[in-house]
């Protein structure tokens, strides 16, 4: 018996609204500073959001973050 998993079978942890917004900005090519200014945050807070996203989803690169944002429709 063969077991094939699709992306629909794999649950991804829920991202907080501000994490999703941060991800959308970074995936759009904005820098941490640009994202922070747009969201009214410090660049350290943006960095913290992205570290949390990476930890939740076991993602290491910005390219993977961008791929995730596209798959989420952000």
PDB file of N, CA and C in Angstrom:
ATOM      1  N   UNK A   1       0.844  -1.176   0.000  1.00  0.00           N
ATOM      2  CA  UNK A   1       0.000   0.000   0.000  1.00  0.00           C
ATOM      3  C   UNK A   1       0.890   1.239   0.000  1.00  0.00           C
ATOM      4  N   UNK A   2       0.624   2.156  -0.907  1.00  0.00           N
ATOM      5  CA  UNK A   2       1.411   3.368  -1.041  1.00  0.00           C
ATOM      6  C   UNK A   2       0.660   4.545  -0.419  1.00  0.00           C
ATOM      7  N   UNK A   3       1.392   5.364   0.294  1.00  0.00           N
ATOM      8  CA  UNK A   3       0.795   6.549   0.915  1.00  0.00           C
ATOM      9  C   UNK A   3       1.395   7.779   0.259  1.00  0.00           C
ATOM     10  N   UNK A   4       0.552   8.574  -0.369  1.00  0.00           N
ATOM     11  CA  UNK A   4       1.009   9.793  -1.008  1.00  0.00           C
ATOM     12  C   UNK A   4       0.380  10.978  -0.303  1.00  0.00           C
ATOM     13  N   UNK A   5       1.217  11.896   0.165  1.00  0.00           N
ATOM     14  CA  UNK A   5       0.728  13.087   0.836  1.00  0.00           C
ATOM     15  C   UNK A   5       0.714  14.261  -0.122  1.00  0.00           C
ATOM     16  N   UNK A   6      -0.339  15.041  -0.051  1.00  0.00           N
ATOM     17  CA  UNK A   6      -0.404  16.283  -0.820  1.00  0.00           C
ATOM     18  C   UNK A   6      -0.291  17.435   0.154  1.00  0.00           C
ATOM     19  N   UNK A   7      -0.128  18.648  -0.369  1.00  0.00           N
ATOM     20  CA  UNK A   7      -0.029  19.806   0.508  1.00  0.00           C
ATOM     21  C   UNK A   7      -1.306  20.002   1.311  1.00  0.00           C
ATOM     22  N   UNK A   8      -2.432  19.544   0.820  1.00  0.00           N
ATOM     23  CA  UNK A   8      -3.684  19.647   1.560  1.00  0.00           C
ATOM     24  C   UNK A   8      -3.685  18.727   2.772  1.00  0.00           C
ATOM     25  N   UNK A   9      -2.881  17.658   2.725  1.00  0.00           N
ATOM     26  CA  UNK A   9      -2.811  16.707   3.830  1.00  0.00           C
ATOM     27  C   UNK A   9      -1.910  17.186   4.961  1.00  0.00           C
ATOM     28  N   UNK A  10      -1.049  18.135   4.675  1.00  0.00           N
ATOM     29  CA  UNK A  10      -0.085  18.599   5.656  1.00  0.00           C
ATOM     30  C   UNK A  10      -0.584  19.917   6.231  1.00  0.00           C
ATOM     31  N   UNK A  11      -0.813  19.923   7.541  1.00  0.00           N
ATOM     32  CA  UNK A  11      -1.292  21.150   8.172  1.00  0.00           C
ATOM     33  C   UNK A  11      -0.115  22.067   8.457  1.00  0.00           C
ATOM     34  N   UNK A  12      -0.302  23.344   8.175  1.00  0.00           N
ATOM     35  CA  UNK A  12       0.700  24.333   8.547  1.00  0.00           C
ATOM     36  C   UNK A  12       0.167  25.095   9.747  1.00  0.00           C
ATOM     37  N   UNK A  13       1.035  25.397  10.698  1.00  0.00           N
ATOM     38  CA  UNK A  13       0.585  26.136  11.866  1.00  0.00           C
ATOM     39  C   UNK A  13       0.014  27.488  11.451  1.00  0.00           C
ATOM     40  N   UNK A  14      -0.980  27.912  12.163  1.00  0.00           N
ATOM     41  CA  UNK A  14      -1.609  29.196  11.848  1.00  0.00           C
ATOM     42  C   UNK A  14      -0.639  30.331  12.148  1.00  0.00           C
ATOM     43  N   UNK A  15      -0.620  31.286  11.250  1.00  0.00           N
ATOM     44  CA  UNK A  15       0.182  32.480  11.468  1.00  0.00           C
ATOM     45  C   UNK A  15      -0.718  33.580  12.014  1.00  0.00           C
ATOM     46  N   UNK A  16      -0.183  34.354  12.942  1.00  0.00           N
ATOM     47  CA  UNK A  16      -0.911  35.494  13.483  1.00  0.00           C
ATOM     48  C   UNK A  16      -1.093  36.524  12.363  1.00  0.00           C
ATOM     49  N   UNK A  17      -2.120  37.356  12.452  1.00  0.00           N
ATOM     50  CA  UNK A  17      -2.348  38.366  11.403  1.00  0.00           C
ATOM     51  C   UNK A  17      -1.129  39.236  11.111  1.00  0.00           C
ATOM     52  N   UNK A  18      -0.407  39.680  12.135  1.00  0.00           N
ATOM     53  CA  UNK A  18       0.774  40.525  11.899  1.00  0.00           C
ATOM     54  C   UNK A  18       1.913  39.714  11.272  1.00  0.00           C
ATOM     55  N   UNK A  19       2.009  38.440  11.587  1.00  0.00           N
ATOM     56  CA  UNK A  19       3.013  37.589  10.944  1.00  0.00           C
ATOM     57  C   UNK A  19       2.684  37.452   9.460  1.00  0.00           C
ATOM     58  N   UNK A  20       1.409  37.248   9.143  1.00  0.00           N
ATOM     59  CA  UNK A  20       0.994  37.140   7.737  1.00  0.00           C
ATOM     60  C   UNK A  20       1.281  38.446   6.989  1.00  0.00           C
ATOM     61  N   UNK A  21       0.991  39.568   7.627  1.00  0.00           N
ATOM     62  CA  UNK A  21       1.239  40.867   6.993  1.00  0.00           C
ATOM     63  C   UNK A  21       2.730  41.075   6.756  1.00  0.00           C
ATOM     64  N   UNK A  22       3.532  40.728   7.750  1.00  0.00           N
ATOM     65  CA  UNK A  22       4.990  40.843   7.604  1.00  0.00           C
ATOM     66  C   UNK A  22       5.477  39.963   6.465  1.00  0.00           C
ATOM     67  N   UNK A  23       5.001  38.747   6.417  1.00  0.00           N
ATOM     68  CA  UNK A  23       5.377  37.818   5.351  1.00  0.00           C
ATOM     69  C   UNK A  23       5.009  38.388   3.985  1.00  0.00           C
ATOM     70  N   UNK A  24       3.830  38.989   3.885  1.00  0.00           N
ATOM     71  CA  UNK A  24       3.389  39.562   2.610  1.00  0.00           C
ATOM     72  C   UNK A  24       4.341  40.664   2.150  1.00  0.00           C
ATOM     73  N   UNK A  25       4.761  41.536   3.062  1.00  0.00           N
ATOM     74  CA  UNK A  25       5.675  42.626   2.709  1.00  0.00           C
ATOM     75  C   UNK A  25       7.048  42.105   2.273  1.00  0.00           C
ATOM     76  N   UNK A  26       7.581  41.156   3.025  1.00  0.00           N
ATOM     77  CA  UNK A  26       8.903  40.606   2.694  1.00  0.00           C
ATOM     78  C   UNK A  26       8.846  39.879   1.353  1.00  0.00           C
ATOM     79  N   UNK A  27       7.784  39.123   1.130  1.00  0.00           N
ATOM     80  CA  UNK A  27       7.639  38.392  -0.135  1.00  0.00           C
ATOM     81  C   UNK A  27       7.473  39.340  -1.312  1.00  0.00           C
ATOM     82  N   UNK A  28       6.971  40.550  -1.044  1.00  0.00           N
ATOM     83  CA  UNK A  28       6.814  41.554  -2.103  1.00  0.00           C
ATOM     84  C   UNK A  28       8.136  42.258  -2.407  1.00  0.00           C
ATOM     85  N   UNK A  29       9.189  41.900  -1.658  1.00  0.00           N
ATOM     86  CA  UNK A  29      10.512  42.456  -1.943  1.00  0.00           C
ATOM     87  C   UNK A  29      10.902  43.630  -1.062  1.00  0.00           C
ATOM     88  N   UNK A  30      10.109  43.940  -0.062  1.00  0.00           N
ATOM     89  CA  UNK A  30      10.454  45.034   0.838  1.00  0.00           C
ATOM     90  C   UNK A  30      11.536  44.583   1.815  1.00  0.00           C
ATOM     91  N   UNK A  31      12.343  45.540   2.254  1.00  0.00           N
ATOM     92  CA  UNK A  31      13.364  45.254   3.263  1.00  0.00           C
ATOM     93  C   UNK A  31      12.709  45.230   4.642  1.00  0.00           C
ATOM     94  N   UNK A  32      13.474  44.803   5.629  1.00  0.00           N
ATOM     95  CA  UNK A  32      12.957  44.820   7.006  1.00  0.00           C
ATOM     96  C   UNK A  32      12.595  46.251   7.403  1.00  0.00           C
ATOM     97  N   UNK A  33      13.450  47.212   7.054  1.00  0.00           N
ATOM     98  CA  UNK A  33      13.203  48.618   7.423  1.00  0.00           C
ATOM     99  C   UNK A  33      11.955  49.140   6.718  1.00  0.00           C
ATOM    100  N   UNK A  34      11.811  48.864   5.433  1.00  0.00           N
ATOM    101  CA  UNK A  34      10.620  49.305   4.703  1.00  0.00           C
ATOM    102  C   UNK A  34       9.357  48.682   5.285  1.00  0.00           C
ATOM    103  N   UNK A  35       9.431  47.401   5.606  1.00  0.00           N
ATOM    104  CA  UNK A  35       8.296  46.701   6.202  1.00  0.00           C
ATOM    105  C   UNK A  35       7.949  47.319   7.553  1.00  0.00           C
ATOM    106  N   UNK A  36       8.961  47.563   8.357  1.00  0.00           N
ATOM    107  CA  UNK A  36       8.748  48.150   9.682  1.00  0.00           C
ATOM    108  C   UNK A  36       8.089  49.522   9.574  1.00  0.00           C
ATOM    109  N   UNK A  37       8.560  50.355   8.675  1.00  0.00           N
ATOM    110  CA  UNK A  37       7.967  51.698   8.507  1.00  0.00           C
ATOM    111  C   UNK A  37       6.514  51.591   8.066  1.00  0.00           C
ATOM    112  N   UNK A  38       6.248  50.705   7.123  1.00  0.00           N
ATOM    113  CA  UNK A  38       4.883  50.557   6.605  1.00  0.00           C
ATOM    114  C   UNK A  38       3.930  50.061   7.682  1.00  0.00           C
ATOM    115  N   UNK A  39       4.415  49.182   8.557  1.00  0.00           N
ATOM    116  CA  UNK A  39       3.572  48.588   9.589  1.00  0.00           C
ATOM    117  C   UNK A  39       3.601  49.372  10.901  1.00  0.00           C
ATOM    118  N   UNK A  40       4.461  50.388  10.987  1.00  0.00           N
ATOM    119  CA  UNK A  40       4.569  51.175  12.217  1.00  0.00           C
ATOM    120  C   UNK A  40       5.263  50.424  13.339  1.00  0.00           C
ATOM    121  N   UNK A  41       6.272  49.635  12.975  1.00  0.00           N
ATOM    122  CA  UNK A  41       7.009  48.812  13.928  1.00  0.00           C
ATOM    123  C   UNK A  41       8.489  49.123  13.854  1.00  0.00           C
ATOM    124  N   UNK A  42       9.254  48.543  14.770  1.00  0.00           N
ATOM    125  CA  UNK A  42      10.707  48.619  14.652  1.00  0.00           C
ATOM    126  C   UNK A  42      11.177  47.464  13.772  1.00  0.00           C
ATOM    127  N   UNK A  43      12.379  47.624  13.212  1.00  0.00           N
ATOM    128  CA  UNK A  43      12.896  46.530  12.380  1.00  0.00           C
ATOM    129  C   UNK A  43      13.164  45.286  13.221  1.00  0.00           C
ATOM    130  N   UNK A  44      13.379  45.478  14.520  1.00  0.00           N
ATOM    131  CA  UNK A  44      13.596  44.339  15.415  1.00  0.00           C
ATOM    132  C   UNK A  44      12.312  43.521  15.580  1.00  0.00           C
ATOM    133  N   UNK A  45      11.169  44.197  15.590  1.00  0.00           N
ATOM    134  CA  UNK A  45       9.892  43.496  15.689  1.00  0.00           C
ATOM    135  C   UNK A  45       9.630  42.708  14.409  1.00  0.00           C
ATOM    136  N   UNK A  46       9.929  43.312  13.263  1.00  0.00           N
ATOM    137  CA  UNK A  46       9.786  42.607  11.981  1.00  0.00           C
ATOM    138  C   UNK A  46      10.676  41.371  11.994  1.00  0.00           C
ATOM    139  N   UNK A  47      11.903  41.517  12.448  1.00  0.00           N
ATOM    140  CA  UNK A  47      12.817  40.382  12.538  1.00  0.00           C
ATOM    141  C   UNK A  47      12.247  39.307  13.459  1.00  0.00           C
ATOM    142  N   UNK A  48      11.664  39.703  14.579  1.00  0.00           N
ATOM    143  CA  UNK A  48      11.075  38.736  15.515  1.00  0.00           C
ATOM    144  C   UNK A  48       9.919  37.985  14.862  1.00  0.00           C
ATOM    145  N   UNK A  49       9.057  38.699  14.126  1.00  0.00           N
ATOM    146  CA  UNK A  49       7.943  38.042  13.426  1.00  0.00           C
ATOM    147  C   UNK A  49       8.471  37.006  12.435  1.00  0.00           C
ATOM    148  N   UNK A  50       9.487  37.388  11.678  1.00  0.00           N
ATOM    149  CA  UNK A  50      10.032  36.472  10.675  1.00  0.00           C
ATOM    150  C   UNK A  50      10.732  35.279  11.317  1.00  0.00           C
ATOM    151  N   UNK A  51      11.389  35.486  12.451  1.00  0.00           N
ATOM    152  CA  UNK A  51      11.999  34.361  13.166  1.00  0.00           C
ATOM    153  C   UNK A  51      10.924  33.392  13.645  1.00  0.00           C
ATOM    154  N   UNK A  52       9.793  33.937  14.133  1.00  0.00           N
ATOM    155  CA  UNK A  52       8.693  33.079  14.581  1.00  0.00           C
ATOM    156  C   UNK A  52       8.106  32.279  13.425  1.00  0.00           C
ATOM    157  N   UNK A  53       7.924  32.954  12.281  1.00  0.00           N
ATOM    158  CA  UNK A  53       7.391  32.260  11.094  1.00  0.00           C
ATOM    159  C   UNK A  53       8.333  31.135  10.691  1.00  0.00           C
ATOM    160  N   UNK A  54       9.618  31.442  10.636  1.00  0.00           N
ATOM    161  CA  UNK A  54      10.606  30.428  10.253  1.00  0.00           C
ATOM    162  C   UNK A  54      10.594  29.248  11.220  1.00  0.00           C
ATOM    163  N   UNK A  55      10.484  29.534  12.507  1.00  0.00           N
ATOM    164  CA  UNK A  55      10.474  28.464  13.509  1.00  0.00           C
ATOM    165  C   UNK A  55       9.205  27.620  13.398  1.00  0.00           C
ATOM    166  N   UNK A  56       8.056  28.271  13.238  1.00  0.00           N
ATOM    167  CA  UNK A  56       6.785  27.544  13.133  1.00  0.00           C
ATOM    168  C   UNK A  56       6.756  26.620  11.925  1.00  0.00           C
ATOM    169  N   UNK A  57       7.329  27.090  10.819  1.00  0.00           N
ATOM    170  CA  UNK A  57       7.215  26.368   9.554  1.00  0.00           C
ATOM    171  C   UNK A  57       8.499  25.687   9.109  1.00  0.00           C
ATOM    172  N   UNK A  58       9.533  25.755   9.941  1.00  0.00           N
ATOM    173  CA  UNK A  58      10.825  25.143   9.627  1.00  0.00           C
ATOM    174  C   UNK A  58      11.338  25.628   8.272  1.00  0.00           C
ATOM    175  N   UNK A  59      11.385  26.948   8.124  1.00  0.00           N
ATOM    176  CA  UNK A  59      11.841  27.601   6.896  1.00  0.00           C
ATOM    177  C   UNK A  59      13.147  28.324   7.198  1.00  0.00           C
ATOM    178  N   UNK A  60      14.101  28.241   6.267  1.00  0.00           N
ATOM    179  CA  UNK A  60      15.405  28.838   6.514  1.00  0.00           C
ATOM    180  C   UNK A  60      15.752  30.021   5.619  1.00  0.00           C
ATOM    181  N   UNK A  61      15.152  30.123   4.452  1.00  0.00           N
ATOM    182  CA  UNK A  61      15.571  31.170   3.517  1.00  0.00           C
ATOM    183  C   UNK A  61      14.415  32.099   3.150  1.00  0.00           C
ATOM    184  N   UNK A  62      14.767  33.273   2.656  1.00  0.00           N
ATOM    185  CA  UNK A  62      13.771  34.222   2.181  1.00  0.00           C
ATOM    186  C   UNK A  62      13.044  33.664   0.963  1.00  0.00           C
ATOM    187  N   UNK A  63      13.757  32.904   0.140  1.00  0.00           N
ATOM    188  CA  UNK A  63      13.115  32.281  -1.024  1.00  0.00           C
ATOM    189  C   UNK A  63      11.993  31.346  -0.584  1.00  0.00           C
ATOM    190  N   UNK A  64      12.245  30.569   0.466  1.00  0.00           N
ATOM    191  CA  UNK A  64      11.199  29.684   0.984  1.00  0.00           C
ATOM    192  C   UNK A  64      10.039  30.478   1.565  1.00  0.00           C
ATOM    193  N   UNK A  65      10.351  31.599   2.231  1.00  0.00           N
ATOM    194  CA  UNK A  65       9.294  32.474   2.758  1.00  0.00           C
ATOM    195  C   UNK A  65       8.429  33.004   1.618  1.00  0.00           C
ATOM    196  N   UNK A  66       9.074  33.413   0.539  1.00  0.00           N
ATOM    197  CA  UNK A  66       8.350  33.938  -0.620  1.00  0.00           C
ATOM    198  C   UNK A  66       7.471  32.859  -1.242  1.00  0.00           C
ATOM    199  N   UNK A  67       8.011  31.668  -1.369  1.00  0.00           N
ATOM    200  CA  UNK A  67       7.243  30.544  -1.899  1.00  0.00           C
ATOM    201  C   UNK A  67       6.015  30.267  -1.040  1.00  0.00           C
ATOM    202  N   UNK A  68       6.181  30.328   0.270  1.00  0.00           N
ATOM    203  CA  UNK A  68       5.065  30.132   1.191  1.00  0.00           C
ATOM    204  C   UNK A  68       4.015  31.215   1.002  1.00  0.00           C
ATOM    205  N   UNK A  69       4.459  32.464   0.899  1.00  0.00           N
ATOM    206  CA  UNK A  69       3.529  33.579   0.724  1.00  0.00           C
ATOM    207  C   UNK A  69       2.709  33.397  -0.552  1.00  0.00           C
ATOM    208  N   UNK A  70       3.342  32.964  -1.615  1.00  0.00           N
ATOM    209  CA  UNK A  70       2.646  32.736  -2.879  1.00  0.00           C
ATOM    210  C   UNK A  70       1.621  31.621  -2.716  1.00  0.00           C
ATOM    211  N   UNK A  71       2.034  30.541  -2.048  1.00  0.00           N
ATOM    212  CA  UNK A  71       1.101  29.409  -1.877  1.00  0.00           C
ATOM    213  C   UNK A  71      -0.080  29.772  -0.977  1.00  0.00           C
ATOM    214  N   UNK A  72       0.113  30.750  -0.080  1.00  0.00           N
ATOM    215  CA  UNK A  72      -0.969  31.207   0.794  1.00  0.00           C
ATOM    216  C   UNK A  72      -1.822  32.303   0.139  1.00  0.00           C
ATOM    217  N   UNK A  73      -1.396  32.740  -1.036  1.00  0.00           N
ATOM    218  CA  UNK A  73      -2.147  33.781  -1.721  1.00  0.00           C
ATOM    219  C   UNK A  73      -1.936  35.173  -1.165  1.00  0.00           C
ATOM    220  N   UNK A  74      -0.776  35.369  -0.531  1.00  0.00           N
ATOM    221  CA  UNK A  74      -0.474  36.681   0.037  1.00  0.00           C
ATOM    222  C   UNK A  74       0.142  37.554  -1.036  1.00  0.00           C
TER     223      UNK A  74
END
